[in-house]
Amino acid sequence: MNSINFSKGELSVCHKNNCMNVRGDIAKVIVFGLATLVVIGGIASMLEQSN
């Protein structure tokens, strides 16, 4: 099972019972980057559908 958790400045990514924990500013940068990609993907999808 895959899971991604972000809480109290710690990012935890688990895949098939293997987990990786990232703490501090690096975790915030990763989460912000992923959120940015999702938003850009959503905007691109909306623009593509309007054409």
Protein backbone atom coordinates (compact mmCIF):
# COMPACT_ATOMS: atom_id res chain seq x y z
CA MET A 1 0.00 0.00 0.00
CA ASN A 2 1.21 3.50 -0.81
CA SER A 3 0.79 6.41 1.57
CA ILE A 4 2.10 9.95 1.96
CA ASN A 5 1.70 11.76 5.27
CA PHE A 6 2.74 15.28 6.24
CA SER A 7 2.41 16.41 9.83
CA LYS A 8 4.33 18.70 12.16
CA GLY A 9 7.06 19.40 9.62
CA GLU A 10 7.73 15.74 8.86
CA LEU A 11 7.05 14.02 5.54
CA SER A 12 6.56 10.25 5.56
CA VAL A 13 6.34 8.28 2.31
CA CYS A 14 5.52 4.55 2.50
CA HIS A 15 5.48 2.01 -0.35
CA LYS A 16 5.04 -1.74 0.22
CA ASN A 17 6.02 -1.50 3.93
CA ASN A 18 9.16 0.54 3.14
CA CYS A 19 8.97 3.99 4.68
CA MET A 20 11.12 7.08 4.25
CA ASN A 21 10.89 10.00 6.66
CA VAL A 22 12.00 13.53 5.81
CA ARG A 23 12.05 16.25 8.44
CA GLY A 24 12.34 20.02 8.55
CA ASP A 25 12.67 22.47 5.70
CA ILE A 26 13.35 19.78 3.10
CA ALA A 27 9.96 18.20 3.84
CA LYS A 28 8.25 21.56 3.41
CA VAL A 29 10.00 22.13 0.08
CA ILE A 30 8.96 18.68 -1.19
CA VAL A 31 5.32 19.16 -0.13
CA PHE A 32 5.20 22.67 -1.63
CA GLY A 33 6.71 21.37 -4.88
CA LEU A 34 4.18 18.55 -5.14
CA ALA A 35 1.30 20.93 -4.41
CA THR A 36 2.58 23.30 -7.08
CA LEU A 37 2.71 20.49 -9.64
CA VAL A 38 -0.86 19.47 -8.82
CA VAL A 39 -2.13 23.04 -9.19
CA ILE A 40 -0.27 23.58 -12.48
CA GLY A 41 -1.61 20.24 -13.77
CA GLY A 42 -5.16 21.25 -12.84
CA ILE A 43 -4.85 24.61 -14.57
CA ALA A 44 -3.38 23.00 -17.69
CA SER A 45 -6.21 20.47 -17.75
CA MET A 46 -8.85 23.20 -17.47
CA LEU A 47 -7.22 25.21 -20.26
CA GLU A 48 -7.04 22.14 -22.48
CA GLN A 49 -10.74 21.36 -21.93
CA SER A 50 -11.77 24.94 -22.75
CA ASN A 51 -10.11 24.71 -26.15
